Amino acid sequence: MPAFKNDDVIVIVAGIIVSLLVVLGVGIGAAYYQQTSLSQTHSAKITTKEFIKEIAPAAQAVEKKYGIPASIIIAQAGTESDWGRAKLAYKYNNLFGIKASGKTNRVKMYTKETLNGKTVTIKQYFQVYSSWKASIDAHTKLIVNHH
C-alpha cells in the first residue's frame, strides 16, 4: 500500500468535496429549473390538430372520472381559446376565459362585453394556470360543483 503524504490526502479530500458540490449543484440547479418552469407555455401559432392532441389526455381523464364527454371539453376549450391561439390560452394557460376569483395567479386583460345592448371594452382579471391540464381541471370543478 502506497504511503500518502498529507498534501496528497488534502488533494484527494478536496477532490471529493468538489465532486460532491458539483453533483449537489447539478441537483439543485435541476430542482430550481423545475420549480421555475412550472408554467407551461405554448406557441401562439399552434395548429388545431396540435391543440387537440395536447389537451386530449386531460379531457379523456375528465370523461373517465366524471362522465363529461372529452369531445365537449375539447370543443369548448377550442372555441373559447381560438384553439389555443388566444393570448389568455397560450401565455396564461386559461382555456375557458375563467375570471380570477382572488388576488393571486391572475392577469389583467381587456375584453369585449355586451352591457345594456352595447359592446364595450373593459378591464378584467382572469385566472392564470400553470398548464392547460390545470385549466381543464379548474373548469371541470366549476361544472361538477355547480348546483
Protein backbone atom coordinates (compact mmCIF):
# COMPACT_ATOMS: atom_id res chain seq x y z
CA MET A 1 0.00 0.00 0.00
CA PRO A 2 1.48 3.31 -1.02
CA ALA A 3 2.03 5.88 1.66
CA PHE A 4 0.12 9.15 1.25
CA LYS A 5 1.62 12.42 2.26
CA ASN A 6 -0.54 15.00 3.99
CA ASP A 7 -0.67 17.04 0.78
CA ASP A 8 -1.98 14.01 -1.15
CA VAL A 9 -4.76 13.45 1.41
CA ILE A 10 -5.77 17.11 1.22
CA VAL A 11 -5.90 16.95 -2.60
CA ILE A 12 -7.98 13.74 -2.51
CA VAL A 13 -10.40 15.12 0.10
CA ALA A 14 -10.67 18.41 -1.80
CA GLY A 15 -11.39 16.46 -4.99
CA ILE A 16 -14.16 14.50 -3.24
CA ILE A 17 -15.67 17.71 -1.82
CA VAL A 18 -15.59 19.43 -5.22
CA SER A 19 -17.19 16.36 -6.83
CA LEU A 20 -19.96 16.36 -4.22
CA LEU A 21 -20.55 20.07 -4.69
CA VAL A 22 -20.78 19.62 -8.46
CA VAL A 23 -23.31 16.78 -8.05
CA LEU A 24 -25.30 18.77 -5.48
CA GLY A 25 -25.11 21.88 -7.65
CA VAL A 26 -26.50 19.99 -10.63
CA GLY A 27 -29.28 18.57 -8.46
CA ILE A 28 -30.11 21.98 -7.01
CA GLY A 29 -29.95 23.54 -10.46
CA ALA A 30 -32.36 20.92 -11.83
CA ALA A 31 -34.73 21.45 -8.89
CA TYR A 32 -34.59 25.22 -9.40
CA TYR A 33 -35.25 24.85 -13.13
CA GLN A 34 -38.16 22.52 -12.45
CA GLN A 35 -39.65 24.90 -9.92
CA THR A 36 -39.32 27.98 -12.10
CA SER A 37 -40.62 26.24 -15.21
CA LEU A 38 -43.85 25.00 -13.70
CA SER A 39 -45.80 27.25 -16.01
CA GLN A 40 -46.32 25.72 -19.44
CA THR A 41 -46.01 27.96 -22.45
CA HIS A 42 -47.31 27.33 -25.93
CA SER A 43 -46.88 28.79 -29.38
CA ALA A 44 -49.43 31.35 -30.49
CA LYS A 45 -49.29 29.58 -33.86
CA ILE A 46 -50.37 26.14 -32.62
CA THR A 47 -52.49 24.24 -35.12
CA THR A 48 -55.94 22.96 -34.26
CA LYS A 49 -54.68 19.39 -34.62
CA GLU A 50 -51.72 20.06 -32.25
CA PHE A 51 -54.07 21.73 -29.76
CA ILE A 52 -56.42 18.76 -29.71
CA LYS A 53 -53.53 16.31 -29.36
CA GLU A 54 -52.14 18.36 -26.44
CA ILE A 55 -55.35 18.57 -24.39
CA ALA A 56 -56.95 15.23 -25.32
CA PRO A 57 -55.36 13.23 -22.44
CA ALA A 58 -56.66 15.70 -19.81
CA ALA A 59 -60.10 15.78 -21.45
CA GLN A 60 -60.20 11.98 -21.59
CA ALA A 61 -59.26 11.77 -17.91
CA VAL A 62 -62.20 14.07 -17.08
CA GLU A 63 -64.53 11.89 -19.15
CA LYS A 64 -63.34 8.75 -17.37
CA LYS A 65 -63.70 10.30 -13.90
CA TYR A 66 -66.85 12.44 -14.30
CA GLY A 67 -68.55 11.22 -17.47
CA ILE A 68 -68.31 14.60 -19.20
CA PRO A 69 -67.54 13.77 -22.85
CA ALA A 70 -63.97 14.62 -23.83
CA SER A 71 -65.28 15.88 -27.16
CA ILE A 72 -67.39 18.52 -25.35
CA ILE A 73 -64.43 19.68 -23.25
CA ILE A 74 -62.14 19.85 -26.30
CA ALA A 75 -64.78 21.70 -28.35
CA GLN A 76 -65.44 24.27 -25.63
CA ALA A 77 -61.73 24.77 -24.90
CA GLY A 78 -61.10 25.18 -28.62
CA THR A 79 -63.84 27.71 -29.25
CA GLU A 80 -63.14 29.69 -26.07
CA SER A 81 -59.38 29.88 -26.73
CA ASP A 82 -59.30 30.04 -30.55
CA TRP A 83 -57.75 26.54 -30.43
CA GLY A 84 -55.01 27.68 -28.05
CA ARG A 85 -54.08 30.77 -30.10
CA ALA A 86 -55.67 33.40 -27.84
CA LYS A 87 -53.14 35.16 -25.59
CA LEU A 88 -55.06 34.11 -22.48
CA ALA A 89 -54.55 30.48 -23.55
CA TYR A 90 -51.02 30.35 -24.93
CA LYS A 91 -49.44 32.71 -22.41
CA TYR A 92 -51.56 32.23 -19.26
CA ASN A 93 -52.94 28.68 -19.81
CA ASN A 94 -56.56 29.80 -19.34
CA LEU A 95 -58.53 27.88 -21.97
CA PHE A 96 -62.04 28.85 -20.89
CA GLY A 97 -61.86 32.56 -20.08
CA ILE A 98 -62.29 31.84 -16.36
CA LYS A 99 -62.27 35.07 -14.37
CA ALA A 100 -59.97 35.39 -11.36
CA SER A 101 -61.52 34.56 -8.01
CA GLY A 102 -58.73 36.00 -5.86
CA LYS A 103 -55.84 38.42 -5.98
CA THR A 104 -53.15 35.86 -6.83
CA ASN A 105 -52.41 33.97 -10.04
CA ARG A 106 -54.29 36.44 -12.19
CA VAL A 107 -53.69 38.71 -15.14
CA LYS A 108 -55.47 41.91 -16.14
CA MET A 109 -56.61 41.91 -19.75
CA TYR A 110 -59.05 43.86 -21.85
CA THR A 111 -62.14 42.07 -23.07
CA LYS A 112 -65.25 42.96 -25.02
CA GLU A 113 -68.53 42.58 -23.14
CA THR A 114 -72.10 43.47 -24.01
CA LEU A 115 -73.63 45.83 -21.44
CA ASN A 116 -77.13 47.22 -21.94
CA GLY A 117 -77.05 46.15 -25.57
CA LYS A 118 -73.73 47.87 -26.33
CA THR A 119 -70.36 46.23 -26.86
CA VAL A 120 -67.77 47.83 -24.62
CA THR A 121 -64.13 47.11 -23.81
CA ILE A 122 -63.47 46.59 -20.12
CA LYS A 123 -60.53 45.58 -17.93
CA GLN A 124 -61.00 42.16 -16.41
CA TYR A 125 -58.89 39.91 -14.20
CA PHE A 126 -58.53 36.36 -15.48
CA GLN A 127 -57.17 33.32 -13.68
CA VAL A 128 -53.67 32.18 -14.64
CA TYR A 129 -52.98 28.43 -14.64
CA SER A 130 -49.71 26.51 -14.64
CA SER A 131 -50.80 24.30 -17.54
CA TRP A 132 -53.66 23.53 -19.87
CA LYS A 133 -54.39 20.45 -17.76
CA ALA A 134 -54.76 22.70 -14.69
CA SER A 135 -57.17 24.89 -16.66
CA ILE A 136 -59.23 21.85 -17.67
CA ASP A 137 -59.26 20.60 -14.07
CA ALA A 138 -60.46 24.00 -12.78
CA HIS A 139 -63.16 24.15 -15.47
CA THR A 140 -64.30 20.65 -14.53
CA LYS A 141 -64.56 21.66 -10.86
CA LEU A 142 -66.77 24.58 -11.87
CA ILE A 143 -69.06 22.24 -13.81
CA VAL A 144 -69.14 19.45 -11.23
CA ASN A 145 -69.65 21.78 -8.26
CA HIS A 146 -72.26 23.96 -9.98
CA HIS A 147 -75.72 23.46 -8.49
